[in-house]
Protein backbone atom coordinates (compact mmCIF):
# COMPACT_ATOMS: atom_id res chain seq x y z
CA MET A 1 67.31 -163.13 -65.75
CA ASN A 2 68.54 -159.58 -66.16
CA LEU A 3 67.71 -156.38 -64.33
CA THR A 4 66.02 -154.83 -67.35
CA ASP A 5 63.46 -157.64 -67.50
CA ILE A 6 62.80 -157.22 -63.78
CA GLU A 7 62.34 -153.46 -64.19
CA ILE A 8 59.92 -153.96 -67.07
CA PHE A 9 57.92 -156.49 -65.03
CA ALA A 10 57.73 -154.06 -62.09
CA ARG A 11 56.43 -151.30 -64.37
CA VAL A 12 53.79 -153.64 -65.87
CA ALA A 13 52.73 -154.76 -62.38
CA THR A 14 52.45 -151.16 -61.21
CA ASN A 15 50.37 -150.05 -64.19
CA GLY A 16 48.34 -153.21 -64.63
CA SER A 17 48.90 -152.80 -68.37
CA MET A 18 51.63 -153.76 -70.78
CA THR A 19 50.59 -150.98 -73.14
CA GLU A 20 50.91 -148.28 -70.47
CA ALA A 21 54.20 -149.72 -69.25
CA ALA A 22 55.51 -149.74 -72.81
CA HIS A 23 54.46 -146.11 -73.26
CA GLU A 24 56.22 -145.01 -70.05
CA LEU A 25 59.36 -146.96 -70.93
CA ARG A 26 59.28 -145.80 -74.56
CA LEU A 27 59.29 -149.39 -75.77
CA SER A 28 56.97 -151.27 -78.09
CA PRO A 29 54.33 -153.56 -76.51
CA ALA A 30 55.96 -156.47 -78.32
CA VAL A 31 59.30 -155.81 -76.60
CA VAL A 32 57.58 -155.60 -73.20
CA SER A 33 55.66 -158.83 -73.83
CA LYS A 34 58.83 -160.63 -74.90
CA SER A 35 60.64 -159.37 -71.78
CA ILE A 36 57.89 -160.68 -69.47
CA LYS A 37 57.88 -164.04 -71.24
CA ARG A 38 61.68 -164.27 -70.93
CA LEU A 39 61.51 -163.52 -67.20
CA GLU A 40 58.73 -166.06 -66.59
CA GLU A 41 60.71 -168.73 -68.46
CA ALA A 42 63.83 -167.95 -66.43
CA LEU A 43 61.86 -168.23 -63.17
CA GLY A 44 59.80 -171.19 -64.28
CA ALA A 45 56.60 -169.56 -63.02
CA ARG A 46 53.72 -167.49 -64.36
CA LEU A 47 53.83 -163.97 -62.94
CA LEU A 48 50.97 -162.32 -64.81
CA GLN A 49 47.46 -163.39 -65.73
CA ARG A 50 46.57 -161.80 -69.06
CA THR A 51 43.06 -160.77 -70.10
CA THR A 52 41.82 -158.85 -73.12
CA ARG A 53 41.80 -155.55 -71.19
CA ARG A 54 44.54 -155.76 -68.59
CA VAL A 55 47.04 -157.94 -66.83
CA MET A 56 46.83 -159.02 -63.20
CA LEU A 57 49.44 -160.42 -60.88
CA THR A 58 49.24 -164.09 -60.00
CA GLU A 59 49.82 -165.02 -56.35
CA THR A 60 53.40 -165.88 -57.25
CA GLY A 61 53.70 -162.65 -59.21
CA ARG A 62 52.48 -160.61 -56.23
CA GLY A 63 55.07 -162.16 -53.93
CA TYR A 64 57.81 -161.68 -56.51
CA TYR A 65 56.80 -158.04 -57.09
CA GLU A 66 56.95 -157.19 -53.40
CA ARG A 67 60.37 -158.80 -53.07
CA ILE A 68 61.99 -157.14 -56.07
CA LEU A 69 61.12 -153.61 -54.95
CA PRO A 70 64.10 -153.48 -52.54
CA VAL A 71 66.33 -154.83 -55.33
CA LEU A 72 65.27 -152.10 -57.75
CA ALA A 73 65.52 -149.43 -55.07
CA GLY A 74 69.03 -150.61 -54.21
CA ALA A 75 70.06 -150.59 -57.85
CA GLU A 76 68.79 -147.02 -58.25
CA GLU A 77 70.57 -145.93 -55.09
CA ALA A 78 73.81 -147.59 -56.20
CA GLN A 79 73.64 -145.96 -59.62
CA ALA A 80 72.94 -142.57 -58.05
CA PHE A 81 75.99 -143.03 -55.81
CA VAL A 82 78.27 -143.95 -58.69
CA GLU A 83 77.04 -141.19 -60.98
CA GLY A 84 76.96 -138.60 -58.19
CA ARG A 85 73.59 -137.42 -59.40
CA THR A 86 72.05 -136.35 -56.08
CA ALA A 87 71.11 -133.02 -57.61
CA ALA A 88 69.93 -134.56 -60.88
CA VAL A 89 67.53 -137.35 -59.95
CA ARG A 90 65.55 -138.79 -62.83
CA GLY A 91 62.47 -140.86 -63.38
CA ARG A 92 58.95 -140.61 -61.98
CA LEU A 93 58.02 -140.06 -58.34
CA ARG A 94 54.53 -141.37 -57.48
CA VAL A 95 53.00 -139.64 -54.45
CA SER A 96 49.69 -140.28 -52.68
CA ALA A 97 48.23 -137.56 -50.43
CA PRO A 98 44.92 -136.55 -48.81
CA THR A 99 42.76 -134.45 -51.11
CA SER A 100 42.51 -131.16 -49.21
CA PHE A 101 46.03 -131.22 -47.81
CA GLY A 102 47.51 -132.09 -51.18
CA ARG A 103 45.66 -129.26 -52.87
CA MET A 104 46.49 -126.68 -50.17
CA HIS A 105 49.97 -127.62 -48.97
CA ILE A 106 51.68 -129.79 -51.58
CA ALA A 107 50.51 -128.57 -54.99
CA PRO A 108 51.49 -124.90 -54.40
CA HIS A 109 55.09 -125.94 -53.63
CA LEU A 110 55.67 -128.47 -56.41
CA ALA A 111 57.11 -125.85 -58.75
CA THR A 112 59.93 -125.10 -56.33
CA PHE A 113 60.83 -128.77 -55.95
CA MET A 114 60.50 -129.62 -59.64
CA ASN A 115 62.52 -126.58 -60.73
CA ALA A 116 65.32 -127.85 -58.51
CA HIS A 117 65.11 -131.32 -60.09
CA GLU A 118 64.26 -130.76 -63.73
CA ALA A 119 64.80 -134.39 -64.81
CA LEU A 120 62.23 -135.68 -62.31
CA GLU A 121 58.56 -136.30 -63.10
CA ILE A 122 55.94 -136.26 -60.34
CA GLU A 123 52.64 -138.10 -60.33
CA LEU A 124 50.55 -136.74 -57.45
CA LEU A 125 47.31 -138.61 -56.78
CA LEU A 126 44.89 -137.22 -54.19
CA ASN A 127 42.67 -139.58 -52.24
CA ASP A 128 41.24 -139.43 -48.72
CA ALA A 129 41.41 -143.23 -48.36
CA PHE A 130 44.59 -144.96 -47.21
CA VAL A 131 46.03 -146.61 -50.31
CA ASP A 132 48.17 -149.73 -50.36
CA ILE A 133 51.32 -148.01 -51.52
CA VAL A 134 53.17 -151.25 -52.33
CA ALA A 135 50.32 -152.85 -54.28
CA GLU A 136 49.52 -149.61 -56.13
CA GLY A 137 53.12 -148.71 -56.88
CA PHE A 138 53.52 -145.48 -54.90
CA ASP A 139 56.94 -144.31 -53.83
CA VAL A 140 55.64 -142.34 -50.85
CA ALA A 141 52.32 -141.46 -49.21
CA ILE A 142 51.50 -138.42 -47.09
CA ARG A 143 49.18 -139.37 -44.23
CA ILE A 144 47.49 -137.47 -41.43
CA GLY A 145 46.34 -138.94 -38.14
CA GLU A 146 47.53 -141.40 -35.54
CA LEU A 147 49.90 -143.75 -37.31
CA SER A 148 49.13 -147.39 -36.64
CA ASP A 149 51.75 -150.12 -36.59
CA SER A 150 52.64 -151.42 -40.03
CA SER A 151 55.48 -152.82 -42.08
CA LEU A 152 55.97 -149.41 -43.64
CA VAL A 153 58.52 -146.81 -42.64
CA ALA A 154 57.16 -143.45 -41.46
CA ARG A 155 58.77 -140.08 -40.88
CA LYS A 156 56.89 -137.40 -38.98
CA LEU A 157 56.92 -134.16 -40.92
CA ALA A 158 54.93 -131.93 -38.56
CA PRO A 159 52.48 -132.04 -35.68
CA VAL A 160 48.79 -131.69 -36.52
CA LYS A 161 46.49 -129.78 -34.19
CA ARG A 162 42.73 -130.17 -34.47
CA ILE A 163 40.40 -127.73 -32.76
CA LEU A 164 36.68 -127.25 -32.35
CA CYS A 165 35.51 -124.22 -34.28
CA ALA A 166 32.42 -122.42 -35.52
CA ALA A 167 31.49 -119.29 -37.45
CA PRO A 168 30.69 -116.13 -35.42
CA SER A 169 27.20 -116.15 -36.94
CA TYR A 170 26.55 -119.58 -35.45
CA ILE A 171 27.84 -118.54 -32.00
CA GLU A 172 25.72 -115.42 -32.09
CA LYS A 173 22.64 -117.51 -32.80
CA MET A 174 23.28 -120.55 -30.58
CA GLY A 175 25.67 -119.27 -27.93
CA MET A 176 29.15 -120.41 -26.94
CA PRO A 177 29.32 -123.89 -25.33
CA GLU A 178 31.13 -123.94 -21.99
CA ASN A 179 31.77 -127.68 -21.65
CA LEU A 180 31.52 -130.91 -23.62
CA ALA A 181 28.05 -131.65 -22.27
CA ASP A 182 26.81 -128.42 -23.86
CA LEU A 183 27.54 -129.92 -27.29
CA ASP A 184 24.39 -132.04 -26.87
CA HIS A 185 22.41 -128.83 -27.37
CA HIS A 186 24.39 -127.66 -30.39
CA VAL A 187 24.55 -128.57 -34.06
CA CYS A 188 27.68 -130.61 -34.69
CA LEU A 189 29.15 -131.43 -38.08
CA PRO A 190 30.46 -135.02 -38.07
CA ALA A 191 33.73 -135.90 -39.77
CA HIS A 192 33.45 -136.91 -43.41
CA ASN A 193 34.81 -140.39 -42.66
CA GLY A 194 32.65 -141.01 -39.60
CA ASP A 195 35.59 -140.94 -37.19
CA HIS A 196 35.15 -140.08 -33.53
CA TRP A 197 36.22 -136.68 -32.28
CA ARG A 198 39.27 -137.50 -30.15
CA LEU A 199 40.08 -134.65 -27.80
CA ALA A 200 42.60 -134.12 -25.03
CA GLY A 201 41.31 -131.93 -22.21
CA PRO A 202 41.43 -131.40 -18.44
CA GLU A 203 40.07 -134.90 -17.76
CA GLY A 204 42.40 -136.60 -20.24
CA THR A 205 41.57 -137.99 -23.66
CA VAL A 206 37.90 -138.31 -24.57
CA ALA A 207 36.16 -139.61 -27.67
CA LEU A 208 32.86 -138.26 -28.99
CA ARG A 209 30.82 -139.42 -31.94
CA PRO A 210 28.77 -136.38 -32.94
CA GLU A 211 25.57 -136.79 -34.89
CA GLY A 212 24.27 -134.12 -37.22
CA ARG A 213 21.86 -133.45 -40.02
CA LEU A 214 24.66 -133.10 -42.57
CA VAL A 215 26.37 -136.33 -43.65
CA THR A 216 28.99 -136.24 -46.39
CA ASN A 217 32.01 -138.15 -47.63
CA SER A 218 33.90 -134.92 -48.35
CA SER A 219 36.06 -133.13 -45.82
CA GLU A 220 35.83 -129.99 -47.94
CA VAL A 221 32.02 -130.01 -47.64
CA VAL A 222 32.38 -130.05 -43.84
CA ARG A 223 34.80 -127.14 -44.11
CA GLU A 224 32.39 -125.08 -46.18
CA ALA A 225 29.52 -125.96 -43.85
CA VAL A 226 31.30 -124.67 -40.75
CA LEU A 227 32.27 -121.49 -42.60
CA ALA A 228 28.63 -121.01 -43.57
CA GLY A 229 27.59 -121.08 -39.92
CA MET A 230 25.89 -124.48 -40.02
CA GLY A 231 27.44 -125.81 -36.81
CA ILE A 232 30.52 -126.79 -34.83
CA ALA A 233 33.25 -128.89 -36.46
CA LEU A 234 36.58 -130.43 -35.50
CA ARG A 235 39.13 -129.14 -38.02
CA SER A 236 42.90 -129.16 -38.41
CA THR A 237 44.70 -125.84 -38.18
CA TRP A 238 46.39 -126.53 -41.53
CA ASP A 239 42.87 -126.44 -42.97
CA ILE A 240 41.33 -123.42 -41.23
CA GLY A 241 44.32 -121.46 -39.87
CA PRO A 242 43.72 -118.32 -41.99
CA GLU A 243 40.01 -118.30 -41.11
CA ILE A 244 40.82 -118.46 -37.39
CA ALA A 245 43.37 -115.68 -37.81
CA ASP A 246 41.01 -113.30 -39.62
CA GLY A 247 37.95 -114.06 -37.49
CA ARG A 248 35.84 -115.94 -40.01
CA LEU A 249 35.96 -118.82 -37.54
CA VAL A 250 36.40 -118.85 -33.77
CA GLN A 251 37.76 -121.60 -31.58
CA VAL A 252 35.22 -123.35 -29.36
CA LEU A 253 36.08 -125.01 -26.03
CA LYS A 254 39.73 -123.94 -26.15
CA GLN A 255 40.64 -126.37 -23.37
CA TYR A 256 40.09 -129.27 -25.78
CA GLU A 257 42.38 -130.06 -28.71
CA SER A 258 43.53 -133.17 -30.55
CA PRO A 259 45.95 -135.47 -28.67
CA GLY A 260 49.66 -135.05 -29.28
CA ASP A 261 49.97 -138.30 -31.24
CA VAL A 262 48.19 -136.84 -34.27
CA GLY A 263 50.68 -135.85 -36.92
CA LEU A 264 51.61 -135.44 -40.57
CA PHE A 265 53.69 -138.37 -41.83
CA ALA A 266 55.56 -139.42 -44.93
CA VAL A 267 55.13 -143.18 -45.34
CA TYR A 268 57.13 -145.36 -47.69
CA PRO A 269 57.92 -149.08 -48.13
CA SER A 270 60.51 -150.55 -45.81
CA ARG A 271 63.69 -150.70 -47.88
CA ASN A 272 67.35 -151.07 -47.15
CA PHE A 273 68.06 -148.35 -49.71
CA LEU A 274 65.75 -145.38 -49.94
CA PRO A 275 65.67 -144.04 -53.54
CA GLU A 276 67.26 -140.63 -53.79
CA LYS A 277 64.14 -139.10 -55.36
CA VAL A 278 62.05 -140.20 -52.36
CA ARG A 279 64.58 -138.95 -49.83
CA LEU A 280 64.86 -135.57 -51.53
CA PHE A 281 61.07 -135.13 -51.65
CA ILE A 282 60.60 -136.07 -48.00
CA ASP A 283 63.45 -133.77 -46.94
CA PHE A 284 61.86 -130.96 -48.96
CA LEU A 285 58.50 -131.36 -47.19
CA ALA A 286 60.11 -131.72 -43.77
CA LYS A 287 61.99 -128.45 -44.23
CA LEU A 288 58.86 -126.77 -45.58
CA TYR A 289 56.57 -127.77 -42.71
CA ALA A 290 58.90 -127.90 -39.72
CA PRO A 291 59.92 -127.07 -37.08
CA ALA A 292 57.08 -124.54 -36.81
CA SER A 293 54.44 -125.26 -39.43
CA TYR A 294 53.54 -122.13 -41.35
CA TRP A 295 49.81 -122.81 -40.84
CA GLY A 296 50.18 -122.38 -37.06
CA ALA A 297 50.12 -125.94 -35.73
């Protein structure tokens, strides 16, 4: 075995394609295929199941892939240390982030980060579902919510505050609710993912499951609906901060907000050596969003 064969296998496993891996590595498909065969012969095990359209990991291949990630990360960290290339990281950084947050609060700042690290490529994929960052080959994922226990490492980048809000036109028509019970007589806009509304108030933490006439799988549709005066929604201040500030939305039931355990996190695989490109990106976001988030968290 040699490290190059292991790196090629990891790239094939991440892409699910020898052709795509060859393109990224600037190698011919034949060289990639020969490298995989050499590695499988050295291990005495089949790592990939080949079909006419793609390759898939075998059970042994999946276990091997998950275990070599720390090895590759350590090798990259060691090389960065020896070369002293902290300010000149190279390669591709794969990032997963929620759709709206990524569009509003990551994409506008990528130029600054990439200009500082001109040899680094970034692949930013936006998805509101929690991806399996190990299985899908992501270096880091940005997640919002209450972080559950997992084998992943998480760093909190900023607090996230969610508030009940509505358009002035809706309040003028339906009136301002004075307590949670009043919401039964109002139009509520459920969350796009069907989650409860978790709120911390005078009586502690409460959970509501609002029902409404509008059902959607898009958080941005809910945002536009509340701006259009269709009802009351629970939104994060990173999402509607400017609209609250200029009066296009007003806060409803100010005594209720999201619990303090809701936050913005950078999540990455548990590794003994964090790749320099990942550390630099997380540090960049942490400095950008904290200690006082610019959206008014």
